[in-house]
Amino acid sequence: MTIPVTSVSQRRAELTAEIQAETGIDEAMIDRLVRGFYARVRQDALIGPVFAARIADWEPHLQRMCAFWSSVALMTGRYHGQPMPKHLPLPVDARHFDRWLELFEATARDLCSSKAADHFIERARRIAESLELGVAGANGRVLRKGERLRRPELDDEVRVAR
């Protein structure tokens, strides 16, 4: 007797359907969240300039971020990139990651159901923590559990943004 093996694509589709049923997240919601979030980012005095210095044409970035969040939130596998290397050279520290999370969480709460927002936010927190650890390591710092990255050379930039 042969036992059918579920293909990776079949299993992925099952997982995506389960998450969608539990949270109500779909590609249209992801698009609204990504566009709403980055509209806030571009207006933000602290993290807006970090993005503005690196992104001239926003549409390709928004499309990439929609694919990223589709993969993260729905397990679709649409994103095929490596976000860590792009973040390592950025002039950011814990204050920037905190602001990113603050904007992301507010956007998710404003645009999504509470179940969907919780799903997005939990993943965003893990992503921010991972990126902060990576940026710290790229700057010669090993953070202990609960320790945050502080880069004194960014103090003036942060002060001006507030």
Protein backbone atom coordinates (compact mmCIF):
# COMPACT_ATOMS: atom_id res chain seq x y z
CA MET A 1 0.00 0.00 0.00
CA THR A 2 1.38 3.37 -0.98
CA ILE A 3 0.75 6.33 1.30
CA PRO A 4 0.30 9.56 -0.68
CA VAL A 5 2.91 12.16 0.09
CA THR A 6 1.66 15.71 0.31
CA SER A 7 3.77 17.93 -1.89
CA VAL A 8 5.38 21.03 -0.48
CA SER A 9 3.14 23.22 -2.62
CA GLN A 10 0.04 21.36 -1.43
CA ARG A 11 1.08 21.67 2.21
CA ARG A 12 1.87 25.37 1.72
CA ALA A 13 -1.56 25.94 0.19
CA GLU A 14 -3.17 24.14 3.15
CA LEU A 15 -1.26 26.27 5.65
CA THR A 16 -2.15 29.46 3.79
CA ALA A 17 -5.83 28.49 3.76
CA GLU A 18 -5.75 27.70 7.50
CA ILE A 19 -4.14 31.06 8.33
CA GLN A 20 -6.60 32.91 6.10
CA ALA A 21 -9.53 31.16 7.76
CA GLU A 22 -8.21 31.96 11.26
CA THR A 23 -7.18 35.57 10.65
CA GLY A 24 -9.03 36.88 7.60
CA ILE A 25 -5.71 37.94 6.07
CA ASP A 26 -5.60 37.94 2.28
CA GLU A 27 -3.41 39.53 -0.37
CA ALA A 28 -5.63 42.63 -0.54
CA MET A 29 -5.24 43.19 3.22
CA ILE A 30 -1.47 42.75 2.93
CA ASP A 31 -1.39 45.34 0.13
CA ARG A 32 -3.40 47.83 2.23
CA LEU A 33 -1.18 47.23 5.26
CA VAL A 34 2.09 47.60 3.34
CA ARG A 35 0.98 50.74 1.52
CA GLY A 36 -0.51 52.28 4.65
CA PHE A 37 2.56 51.50 6.70
CA TYR A 38 5.04 52.91 4.19
CA ALA A 39 2.93 56.04 3.75
CA ARG A 40 3.48 56.63 7.48
CA VAL A 41 7.16 55.70 7.24
CA ARG A 42 7.75 58.30 4.53
CA GLN A 43 6.25 60.99 6.78
CA ASP A 44 8.18 59.94 9.88
CA ALA A 45 10.99 62.24 11.03
CA LEU A 46 13.15 59.41 12.43
CA ILE A 47 12.91 56.51 10.01
CA GLY A 48 11.63 58.31 6.93
CA PRO A 49 15.08 59.70 6.05
CA VAL A 50 16.67 56.23 6.34
CA PHE A 51 14.28 54.95 3.68
CA ALA A 52 14.37 58.12 1.55
CA ALA A 53 18.16 57.90 1.25
CA ARG A 54 17.87 54.43 -0.27
CA ILE A 55 14.55 54.22 -2.12
CA ALA A 56 13.86 56.47 -5.09
CA ASP A 57 11.21 54.36 -6.81
CA TRP A 58 8.75 53.19 -4.17
CA GLU A 59 6.55 50.90 -6.26
CA PRO A 60 9.11 48.08 -6.68
CA HIS A 61 9.86 48.28 -2.95
CA LEU A 62 6.16 48.10 -2.08
CA GLN A 63 5.70 45.10 -4.36
CA ARG A 64 8.68 43.36 -2.70
CA MET A 65 7.26 44.12 0.73
CA CYS A 66 3.86 42.73 -0.28
CA ALA A 67 5.56 39.51 -1.37
CA PHE A 68 7.59 39.49 1.87
CA TRP A 69 4.55 39.92 4.10
CA SER A 70 2.59 37.37 2.07
CA SER A 71 5.36 34.88 2.80
CA VAL A 72 5.65 35.88 6.45
CA ALA A 73 1.96 36.15 7.28
CA LEU A 74 0.43 33.55 4.97
CA MET A 75 3.36 31.18 4.33
CA THR A 76 2.87 31.61 0.56
CA GLY A 77 6.53 31.49 -0.38
CA ARG A 78 6.14 34.51 -2.69
CA TYR A 79 9.24 36.29 -1.35
CA HIS A 80 12.63 35.05 -2.48
CA GLY A 81 15.13 37.43 -0.97
CA GLN A 82 17.54 37.95 1.86
CA PRO A 83 16.49 40.92 3.99
CA MET A 84 19.34 40.73 6.50
CA PRO A 85 22.18 41.84 4.18
CA LYS A 86 20.14 44.89 3.08
CA HIS A 87 19.67 45.98 6.70
CA LEU A 88 23.18 45.41 8.06
CA PRO A 89 24.75 48.66 6.75
CA LEU A 90 21.84 50.89 7.77
CA PRO A 91 22.49 53.72 10.26
CA VAL A 92 19.93 52.43 12.77
CA ASP A 93 19.72 51.26 16.35
CA ALA A 94 17.04 50.20 18.85
CA ARG A 95 15.32 53.57 18.60
CA HIS A 96 14.75 53.08 14.87
CA PHE A 97 13.47 49.54 15.33
CA ASP A 98 11.14 50.73 18.10
CA ARG A 99 9.75 53.45 15.85
CA TRP A 100 9.36 50.99 12.96
CA LEU A 101 7.37 48.70 15.25
CA GLU A 102 5.32 51.58 16.63
CA LEU A 103 4.29 52.65 13.13
CA PHE A 104 3.71 49.08 11.97
CA GLU A 105 1.59 48.19 14.99
CA ALA A 106 -0.51 51.35 14.69
CA THR A 107 -1.07 50.71 10.99
CA ALA A 108 -2.01 47.07 11.57
CA ARG A 109 -4.45 48.03 14.34
CA ASP A 110 -5.99 50.76 12.16
CA LEU A 111 -6.38 48.69 8.98
CA CYS A 112 -6.88 45.09 10.09
CA SER A 113 -9.17 43.08 12.33
CA SER A 114 -7.70 42.46 15.78
CA LYS A 115 -6.94 38.81 14.96
CA ALA A 116 -5.13 39.78 11.74
CA ALA A 117 -3.31 42.68 13.45
CA ASP A 118 -2.11 40.36 16.24
CA HIS A 119 -0.83 37.90 13.62
CA PHE A 120 1.09 40.59 11.74
CA ILE A 121 2.42 42.26 14.90
CA GLU A 122 3.74 39.08 16.45
CA ARG A 123 5.75 38.40 13.30
CA ALA A 124 6.90 42.02 12.99
CA ARG A 125 8.28 41.92 16.53
CA ARG A 126 10.30 38.80 15.76
CA ILE A 127 11.57 40.33 12.53
CA ALA A 128 12.61 43.56 14.27
CA GLU A 129 14.42 41.64 17.00
CA SER A 130 16.25 39.51 14.45
CA LEU A 131 17.27 42.51 12.35
CA GLU A 132 18.43 44.44 15.41
CA LEU A 133 20.61 41.49 16.47
CA GLY A 134 22.02 41.29 12.94
CA VAL A 135 22.77 45.02 12.75
CA ALA A 136 24.42 44.84 16.19
CA GLY A 137 26.62 41.96 15.06
CA ALA A 138 27.58 43.80 11.88
CA ASN A 139 28.70 46.68 14.08
CA GLY A 140 30.83 44.50 16.34
CA ARG A 141 28.31 44.16 19.15
CA VAL A 142 26.97 40.97 20.63
CA LEU A 143 23.77 41.72 22.52
CA ARG A 144 22.86 39.79 25.63
CA LYS A 145 19.28 38.67 26.15
CA GLY A 146 17.20 41.80 26.70
CA GLU A 147 20.04 44.16 25.71
CA ARG A 148 19.35 46.68 22.96
CA LEU A 149 21.58 48.17 20.30
CA ARG A 150 22.53 51.76 21.03
CA ARG A 151 24.75 53.63 18.60
CA PRO A 152 25.82 56.94 20.17
CA GLU A 153 26.92 58.25 16.77
CA LEU A 154 23.22 58.40 15.86
CA ASP A 155 22.19 60.49 18.89
CA ASP A 156 22.15 63.79 16.98
CA GLU A 157 19.99 62.30 14.22
CA VAL A 158 17.53 60.91 16.75
CA ARG A 159 17.46 64.19 18.69
CA VAL A 160 16.68 66.20 15.54
CA ALA A 161 13.86 63.79 14.60
CA ARG A 162 12.09 64.25 17.91
